[in-house]
Amino acid sequence: MLFDPEEVAAEGQATIDETTKQLTALKNTRDGFILAGDKEDAARSEKEKADREKKAADEKAAAEK
């Protein structure tokens, strides 16, 4: 027999398993980048908030003089 359906099915399943494994790795990498970006955004937002508060305090102090 030239075509062994069981062998082809086994090879196909191995290919599917490896593809699933690689997709999972790619998703994990993507999610890591997203989390890093979220952390950077949060840090930037906190810095901007602190800068705004400092500016408001400075303006208030200047107005009181």
N, C-alpha and C. Protein backbone atom coordinates (compact mmCIF):
# COMPACT_ATOMS: atom_id res chain seq x y z
N MET A 1 0.85 -1.18 0.00
CA MET A 1 0.00 0.00 0.00
C MET A 1 0.89 1.24 0.00
N LEU A 2 0.60 2.18 -0.84
CA LEU A 2 1.39 3.40 -0.94
C LEU A 2 0.99 4.45 0.08
N PHE A 3 -0.22 4.36 0.53
CA PHE A 3 -0.77 5.40 1.42
C PHE A 3 -1.22 4.74 2.72
N ASP A 4 -0.60 5.13 3.80
CA ASP A 4 -0.97 4.58 5.10
C ASP A 4 -1.74 5.65 5.88
N PRO A 5 -3.05 5.53 5.96
CA PRO A 5 -3.87 6.56 6.60
C PRO A 5 -3.49 6.80 8.07
N GLU A 6 -3.11 5.76 8.78
CA GLU A 6 -2.75 5.91 10.19
C GLU A 6 -1.47 6.74 10.34
N GLU A 7 -0.51 6.48 9.47
CA GLU A 7 0.76 7.23 9.52
C GLU A 7 0.52 8.70 9.17
N VAL A 8 -0.29 8.95 8.16
CA VAL A 8 -0.61 10.32 7.76
C VAL A 8 -1.36 11.03 8.88
N ALA A 9 -2.28 10.33 9.52
CA ALA A 9 -3.04 10.92 10.63
C ALA A 9 -2.11 11.26 11.79
N ALA A 10 -1.17 10.37 12.09
CA ALA A 10 -0.23 10.61 13.18
C ALA A 10 0.66 11.80 12.86
N GLU A 11 1.16 11.88 11.65
CA GLU A 11 2.00 13.01 11.25
C GLU A 11 1.20 14.32 11.27
N GLY A 12 -0.04 14.25 10.82
CA GLY A 12 -0.90 15.43 10.83
C GLY A 12 -1.17 15.91 12.25
N GLN A 13 -1.42 14.97 13.15
CA GLN A 13 -1.67 15.34 14.55
C GLN A 13 -0.41 15.93 15.19
N ALA A 14 0.76 15.39 14.86
CA ALA A 14 2.01 15.93 15.38
C ALA A 14 2.21 17.36 14.88
N THR A 15 1.88 17.60 13.63
CA THR A 15 1.99 18.95 13.07
C THR A 15 1.02 19.90 13.76
N ILE A 16 -0.19 19.46 13.99
CA ILE A 16 -1.19 20.29 14.69
C ILE A 16 -0.72 20.59 16.11
N ASP A 17 -0.19 19.60 16.81
CA ASP A 17 0.29 19.79 18.18
C ASP A 17 1.43 20.81 18.22
N GLU A 18 2.37 20.71 17.29
CA GLU A 18 3.49 21.64 17.25
C GLU A 18 3.02 23.05 16.90
N THR A 19 2.08 23.15 15.99
CA THR A 19 1.53 24.46 15.62
C THR A 19 0.82 25.09 16.81
N THR A 20 0.06 24.31 17.54
CA THR A 20 -0.63 24.81 18.74
C THR A 20 0.39 25.29 19.77
N LYS A 21 1.44 24.53 19.95
CA LYS A 21 2.50 24.91 20.89
C LYS A 21 3.15 26.23 20.49
N GLN A 22 3.44 26.40 19.22
CA GLN A 22 4.06 27.63 18.73
C GLN A 22 3.10 28.82 18.85
N LEU A 23 1.84 28.61 18.56
CA LEU A 23 0.86 29.68 18.70
C LEU A 23 0.73 30.13 20.15
N THR A 24 0.75 29.17 21.06
CA THR A 24 0.69 29.50 22.48
C THR A 24 1.91 30.33 22.88
N ALA A 25 3.08 29.96 22.41
CA ALA A 25 4.30 30.72 22.71
C ALA A 25 4.19 32.14 22.16
N LEU A 26 3.68 32.28 20.95
CA LEU A 26 3.53 33.61 20.35
C LEU A 26 2.52 34.46 21.13
N LYS A 27 1.42 33.84 21.55
CA LYS A 27 0.42 34.57 22.33
C LYS A 27 1.01 35.03 23.66
N ASN A 28 1.79 34.17 24.30
CA ASN A 28 2.42 34.54 25.56
C ASN A 28 3.39 35.70 25.38
N THR A 29 4.15 35.67 24.30
CA THR A 29 5.07 36.77 24.01
C THR A 29 4.30 38.06 23.78
N ARG A 30 3.24 37.99 22.99
CA ARG A 30 2.41 39.16 22.73
C ARG A 30 1.82 39.72 24.02
N ASP A 31 1.31 38.84 24.85
CA ASP A 31 0.71 39.27 26.11
C ASP A 31 1.75 39.92 27.01
N GLY A 32 2.98 39.41 26.98
CA GLY A 32 4.05 40.02 27.75
C GLY A 32 4.33 41.44 27.29
N PHE A 33 4.34 41.66 25.97
CA PHE A 33 4.55 43.00 25.44
C PHE A 33 3.40 43.93 25.82
N ILE A 34 2.19 43.41 25.79
CA ILE A 34 1.02 44.21 26.17
C ILE A 34 1.12 44.63 27.63
N LEU A 35 1.48 43.69 28.50
CA LEU A 35 1.61 44.01 29.93
C LEU A 35 2.72 45.03 30.17
N ALA A 36 3.82 44.89 29.45
CA ALA A 36 4.91 45.86 29.60
C ALA A 36 4.44 47.24 29.16
N GLY A 37 3.70 47.31 28.07
CA GLY A 37 3.17 48.58 27.59
C GLY A 37 2.19 49.18 28.58
N ASP A 38 1.35 48.33 29.18
CA ASP A 38 0.40 48.82 30.18
C ASP A 38 1.13 49.39 31.39
N LYS A 39 2.21 48.73 31.81
CA LYS A 39 2.99 49.22 32.95
C LYS A 39 3.62 50.57 32.62
N GLU A 40 4.15 50.70 31.40
CA GLU A 40 4.74 51.97 30.98
C GLU A 40 3.69 53.07 30.95
N ASP A 41 2.51 52.75 30.43
CA ASP A 41 1.42 53.73 30.38
C ASP A 41 1.01 54.16 31.78
N ALA A 42 0.93 53.21 32.70
CA ALA A 42 0.55 53.53 34.07
C ALA A 42 1.60 54.42 34.73
N ALA A 43 2.87 54.09 34.50
CA ALA A 43 3.95 54.89 35.08
C ALA A 43 3.93 56.30 34.50
N ARG A 44 3.71 56.41 33.20
CA ARG A 44 3.66 57.72 32.55
C ARG A 44 2.47 58.52 33.09
N SER A 45 1.34 57.85 33.28
CA SER A 45 0.16 58.52 33.80
C SER A 45 0.40 59.03 35.22
N GLU A 46 1.04 58.23 36.05
CA GLU A 46 1.36 58.65 37.42
C GLU A 46 2.31 59.85 37.41
N LYS A 47 3.30 59.82 36.52
CA LYS A 47 4.24 60.94 36.44
C LYS A 47 3.53 62.21 35.98
N GLU A 48 2.66 62.07 34.99
CA GLU A 48 1.92 63.24 34.51
C GLU A 48 1.01 63.79 35.60
N LYS A 49 0.40 62.92 36.38
CA LYS A 49 -0.46 63.35 37.47
C LYS A 49 0.36 64.11 38.52
N ALA A 50 1.52 63.57 38.86
CA ALA A 50 2.38 64.23 39.84
C ALA A 50 2.85 65.58 39.31
N ASP A 51 3.18 65.64 38.03
CA ASP A 51 3.59 66.92 37.43
C ASP A 51 2.46 67.95 37.48
N ARG A 52 1.24 67.52 37.18
CA ARG A 52 0.09 68.43 37.23
C ARG A 52 -0.14 68.94 38.65
N GLU A 53 -0.04 68.04 39.63
CA GLU A 53 -0.24 68.44 41.02
C GLU A 53 0.84 69.42 41.47
N LYS A 54 2.08 69.17 41.06
CA LYS A 54 3.17 70.07 41.43
C LYS A 54 2.97 71.44 40.78
N LYS A 55 2.57 71.44 39.52
CA LYS A 55 2.33 72.70 38.82
C LYS A 55 1.21 73.48 39.49
N ALA A 56 0.14 72.79 39.87
CA ALA A 56 -0.99 73.46 40.54
C ALA A 56 -0.54 74.02 41.88
N ALA A 57 0.26 73.26 42.62
CA ALA A 57 0.76 73.75 43.91
C ALA A 57 1.67 74.95 43.72
N ASP A 58 2.52 74.92 42.69
CA ASP A 58 3.41 76.04 42.41
C ASP A 58 2.61 77.29 42.03
N GLU A 59 1.58 77.10 41.21
CA GLU A 59 0.75 78.24 40.81
C GLU A 59 0.01 78.82 42.01
N LYS A 60 -0.45 77.95 42.89
CA LYS A 60 -1.16 78.40 44.09
C LYS A 60 -0.20 79.18 44.98
N ALA A 61 1.02 78.67 45.14
CA ALA A 61 2.02 79.35 45.96
C ALA A 61 2.37 80.71 45.36
N ALA A 62 2.49 80.76 44.04
CA ALA A 62 2.81 82.01 43.38
C ALA A 62 1.66 83.02 43.52
N ALA A 63 0.43 82.52 43.47
CA ALA A 63 -0.72 83.40 43.60
C ALA A 63 -0.84 83.95 45.02
N GLU A 64 -0.43 83.18 46.00
CA GLU A 64 -0.50 83.63 47.38
C GLU A 64 0.54 84.69 47.70
N LYS A 65 1.61 84.75 46.95
CA LYS A 65 2.66 85.74 47.20
C LYS A 65 2.21 87.07 46.79
